Amino acid sequence: MSNSPTKNEWSETDALWRVRMAAEQEAEAMMERRAYERRNVQWSARIVLPEGAFACTVYDLSLGGARVRLVAQLQKNQRVRLDLEKIATLNAEVVWLGIGMVGIRFTDDAAYIGRTLGPLLTQLGPAS
């Protein structure tokens, strides 16, 4: 018996490799598209929807948006509110969905976001 891969196994491996390469290219493109530096945080917050509020944790934060972990089903382009306790409440829309994570983009006026989050992000130190 031969231990060499079959043609079908090579095809599956090649397909998986192509999927991985496409995902890596998409991640690189997303990093290049970011207009704002992100800061690593781990803050408790709430995502507020018309049907109620859901506890969440903010892991990345910038003047443009945030990466948020939560146990709730959201939809891409859905409008939400991020309630950062004792800091700010910011309007946003869901721009990407992952397993247990969402990416949101703030939709409030840039000047308001800058006044609200700018000093705080500066205090957090170097960008990630």
C-alpha atoms as a PDB file:
ATOM      1  CA  MET A   1       0.000   0.000   0.000  1.00  0.00           C
ATOM      2  CA  SER A   2       1.145   3.494  -0.806  1.00  0.00           C
ATOM      3  CA  ASN A   3       1.052   6.347   1.685  1.00  0.00           C
ATOM      4  CA  SER A   4       1.128   9.031  -0.993  1.00  0.00           C
ATOM      5  CA  PRO A   5      -1.932  11.299  -1.192  1.00  0.00           C
ATOM      6  CA  THR A   6      -4.600  10.594  -3.771  1.00  0.00           C
ATOM      7  CA  LYS A   7      -5.602  13.084  -6.445  1.00  0.00           C
ATOM      8  CA  ASN A   8      -8.790  13.865  -4.483  1.00  0.00           C
ATOM      9  CA  GLU A   9      -6.808  14.527  -1.285  1.00  0.00           C
ATOM     10  CA  TRP A  10      -4.507  16.904  -3.215  1.00  0.00           C
ATOM     11  CA  SER A  11      -7.569  18.745  -4.565  1.00  0.00           C
ATOM     12  CA  GLU A  12      -8.989  19.185  -1.057  1.00  0.00           C
ATOM     13  CA  THR A  13      -5.637  20.383   0.276  1.00  0.00           C
ATOM     14  CA  ASP A  14      -5.280  22.823  -2.609  1.00  0.00           C
ATOM     15  CA  ALA A  15      -8.810  24.151  -2.044  1.00  0.00           C
ATOM     16  CA  LEU A  16      -8.136  24.675   1.675  1.00  0.00           C
ATOM     17  CA  TRP A  17      -4.882  26.441   0.862  1.00  0.00           C
ATOM     18  CA  ARG A  18      -6.703  28.786  -1.550  1.00  0.00           C
ATOM     19  CA  VAL A  19      -9.355  29.575   1.086  1.00  0.00           C
ATOM     20  CA  ARG A  20      -6.637  30.339   3.647  1.00  0.00           C
ATOM     21  CA  MET A  21      -4.745  32.586   1.234  1.00  0.00           C
ATOM     22  CA  ALA A  22      -7.939  34.479   0.350  1.00  0.00           C
ATOM     23  CA  ALA A  23      -8.706  34.996   4.063  1.00  0.00           C
ATOM     24  CA  GLU A  24      -5.173  36.267   4.713  1.00  0.00           C
ATOM     25  CA  GLN A  25      -5.390  38.673   1.764  1.00  0.00           C
ATOM     26  CA  GLU A  26      -8.762  39.950   2.985  1.00  0.00           C
ATOM     27  CA  ALA A  27      -7.346  40.499   6.494  1.00  0.00           C
ATOM     28  CA  GLU A  28      -4.377  42.432   5.047  1.00  0.00           C
ATOM     29  CA  ALA A  29      -6.696  44.568   2.921  1.00  0.00           C
ATOM     30  CA  MET A  30      -8.869  45.294   5.972  1.00  0.00           C
ATOM     31  CA  MET A  31      -5.815  46.422   7.958  1.00  0.00           C
ATOM     32  CA  GLU A  32      -4.818  48.767   5.126  1.00  0.00           C
ATOM     33  CA  ARG A  33      -8.358  50.220   4.929  1.00  0.00           C
ATOM     34  CA  ARG A  34      -8.437  51.201   8.586  1.00  0.00           C
ATOM     35  CA  ALA A  35      -8.377  54.944   8.852  1.00  0.00           C
ATOM     36  CA  TYR A  36      -7.887  54.985  12.631  1.00  0.00           C
ATOM     37  CA  GLU A  37      -5.369  53.372  14.948  1.00  0.00           C
ATOM     38  CA  ARG A  38      -6.869  50.734  17.208  1.00  0.00           C
ATOM     39  CA  ARG A  39      -6.165  50.304  20.890  1.00  0.00           C
ATOM     40  CA  ASN A  40      -6.410  46.961  22.654  1.00  0.00           C
ATOM     41  CA  VAL A  41      -8.884  47.170  25.514  1.00  0.00           C
ATOM     42  CA  GLN A  42     -11.044  44.760  27.444  1.00  0.00           C
ATOM     43  CA  TRP A  43     -13.998  46.778  28.642  1.00  0.00           C
ATOM     44  CA  SER A  44     -17.463  45.722  29.708  1.00  0.00           C
ATOM     45  CA  ALA A  45     -20.171  47.509  27.764  1.00  0.00           C
ATOM     46  CA  ARG A  46     -23.657  46.995  26.334  1.00  0.00           C
ATOM     47  CA  ILE A  47     -24.988  46.748  22.800  1.00  0.00           C
ATOM     48  CA  VAL A  48     -28.403  48.402  22.777  1.00  0.00           C
ATOM     49  CA  LEU A  49     -31.069  47.378  20.265  1.00  0.00           C
ATOM     50  CA  PRO A  50     -34.765  48.309  20.090  1.00  0.00           C
ATOM     51  CA  GLU A  51     -35.605  44.917  21.623  1.00  0.00           C
ATOM     52  CA  GLY A  52     -33.217  45.325  24.559  1.00  0.00           C
ATOM     53  CA  ALA A  53     -29.620  45.587  25.717  1.00  0.00           C
ATOM     54  CA  PHE A  54     -26.987  42.849  25.648  1.00  0.00           C
ATOM     55  CA  ALA A  55     -23.861  42.714  27.792  1.00  0.00           C
ATOM     56  CA  CYS A  56     -20.693  42.657  25.704  1.00  0.00           C
ATOM     57  CA  THR A  57     -16.941  43.133  25.905  1.00  0.00           C
ATOM     58  CA  VAL A  58     -15.065  45.620  23.726  1.00  0.00           C
ATOM     59  CA  TYR A  59     -11.658  44.271  22.649  1.00  0.00           C
ATOM     60  CA  ASP A  60     -10.443  46.812  20.081  1.00  0.00           C
ATOM     61  CA  LEU A  61     -11.410  50.458  20.048  1.00  0.00           C
ATOM     62  CA  SER A  62     -10.669  53.302  17.668  1.00  0.00           C
ATOM     63  CA  LEU A  63     -12.256  56.577  16.642  1.00  0.00           C
ATOM     64  CA  GLY A  64     -13.842  54.672  13.771  1.00  0.00           C
ATOM     65  CA  GLY A  65     -15.311  51.660  15.525  1.00  0.00           C
ATOM     66  CA  ALA A  66     -14.772  48.625  17.723  1.00  0.00           C
ATOM     67  CA  ARG A  67     -14.463  44.841  17.831  1.00  0.00           C
ATOM     68  CA  VAL A  68     -17.031  43.499  20.275  1.00  0.00           C
ATOM     69  CA  ARG A  69     -17.719  40.053  21.759  1.00  0.00           C
ATOM     70  CA  LEU A  70     -21.323  39.319  22.630  1.00  0.00           C
ATOM     71  CA  VAL A  71     -23.874  36.556  22.877  1.00  0.00           C
ATOM     72  CA  ALA A  72     -26.560  37.891  20.567  1.00  0.00           C
ATOM     73  CA  GLN A  73     -27.369  37.457  16.920  1.00  0.00           C
ATOM     74  CA  LEU A  74     -26.866  40.611  14.924  1.00  0.00           C
ATOM     75  CA  GLN A  75     -27.076  41.252  11.211  1.00  0.00           C
ATOM     76  CA  LYS A  76     -24.603  42.987   8.944  1.00  0.00           C
ATOM     77  CA  ASN A  77     -25.565  46.671   8.449  1.00  0.00           C
ATOM     78  CA  GLN A  78     -27.793  46.535  11.550  1.00  0.00           C
ATOM     79  CA  ARG A  79     -27.855  49.792  13.489  1.00  0.00           C
ATOM     80  CA  VAL A  80     -26.876  49.480  17.160  1.00  0.00           C
ATOM     81  CA  ARG A  81     -25.791  51.643  20.063  1.00  0.00           C
ATOM     82  CA  LEU A  82     -22.624  50.915  22.037  1.00  0.00           C
ATOM     83  CA  ASP A  83     -22.966  51.957  25.656  1.00  0.00           C
ATOM     84  CA  LEU A  84     -19.507  52.357  27.209  1.00  0.00           C
ATOM     85  CA  GLU A  85     -20.488  52.787  30.846  1.00  0.00           C
ATOM     86  CA  LYS A  86     -19.582  56.176  32.330  1.00  0.00           C
ATOM     87  CA  ILE A  87     -17.747  57.118  29.115  1.00  0.00           C
ATOM     88  CA  ALA A  88     -20.120  57.478  26.180  1.00  0.00           C
ATOM     89  CA  THR A  89     -22.989  56.068  24.198  1.00  0.00           C
ATOM     90  CA  LEU A  90     -22.171  55.836  20.507  1.00  0.00           C
ATOM     91  CA  ASN A  91     -24.362  55.002  17.536  1.00  0.00           C
ATOM     92  CA  ALA A  92     -22.915  52.418  15.171  1.00  0.00           C
ATOM     93  CA  GLU A  93     -23.629  49.875  12.474  1.00  0.00           C
ATOM     94  CA  VAL A  94     -22.466  46.282  12.220  1.00  0.00           C
ATOM     95  CA  VAL A  95     -19.844  45.950   9.471  1.00  0.00           C
ATOM     96  CA  TRP A  96     -18.705  42.353   9.958  1.00  0.00           C
ATOM     97  CA  LEU A  97     -19.776  39.240  11.817  1.00  0.00           C
ATOM     98  CA  GLY A  98     -17.624  36.494  13.298  1.00  0.00           C
ATOM     99  CA  ILE A  99     -18.138  33.649  15.732  1.00  0.00           C
ATOM    100  CA  GLY A 100     -19.145  35.444  18.916  1.00  0.00           C
ATOM    101  CA  MET A 101     -17.652  38.731  17.623  1.00  0.00           C
ATOM    102  CA  VAL A 102     -18.867  41.674  15.586  1.00  0.00           C
ATOM    103  CA  GLY A 103     -17.156  44.668  14.117  1.00  0.00           C
ATOM    104  CA  ILE A 104     -18.990  47.949  14.398  1.00  0.00           C
ATOM    105  CA  ARG A 105     -18.378  51.306  12.741  1.00  0.00           C
ATOM    106  CA  PHE A 106     -19.392  54.437  14.605  1.00  0.00           C
ATOM    107  CA  THR A 107     -21.952  56.573  12.790  1.00  0.00           C
ATOM    108  CA  ASP A 108     -22.006  59.612  15.067  1.00  0.00           C
ATOM    109  CA  ASP A 109     -20.439  62.909  14.057  1.00  0.00           C
ATOM    110  CA  ALA A 110     -16.627  62.554  13.863  1.00  0.00           C
ATOM    111  CA  ALA A 111     -16.124  65.650  16.039  1.00  0.00           C
ATOM    112  CA  TYR A 112     -18.306  64.175  18.805  1.00  0.00           C
ATOM    113  CA  ILE A 113     -16.442  60.849  18.647  1.00  0.00           C
ATOM    114  CA  GLY A 114     -13.103  62.663  18.731  1.00  0.00           C
ATOM    115  CA  ARG A 115     -14.091  64.723  21.768  1.00  0.00           C
ATOM    116  CA  THR A 116     -15.510  61.680  23.527  1.00  0.00           C
ATOM    117  CA  LEU A 117     -12.946  58.965  22.768  1.00  0.00           C
ATOM    118  CA  GLY A 118      -9.873  60.899  21.622  1.00  0.00           C
ATOM    119  CA  PRO A 119      -8.449  61.802  25.048  1.00  0.00           C
ATOM    120  CA  LEU A 120      -9.237  58.328  26.364  1.00  0.00           C
ATOM    121  CA  LEU A 121      -7.509  56.553  23.451  1.00  0.00           C
ATOM    122  CA  THR A 122      -4.457  58.799  23.846  1.00  0.00           C
ATOM    123  CA  GLN A 123      -4.162  57.756  27.512  1.00  0.00           C
ATOM    124  CA  LEU A 124      -4.136  54.073  26.526  1.00  0.00           C
ATOM    125  CA  GLY A 125      -0.694  54.305  24.931  1.00  0.00           C
ATOM    126  CA  PRO A 126       0.632  53.036  21.590  1.00  0.00           C
ATOM    127  CA  ALA A 127      -1.683  51.669  18.942  1.00  0.00           C
ATOM    128  CA  SER A 128      -1.895  47.981  18.162  1.00  0.00           C
END
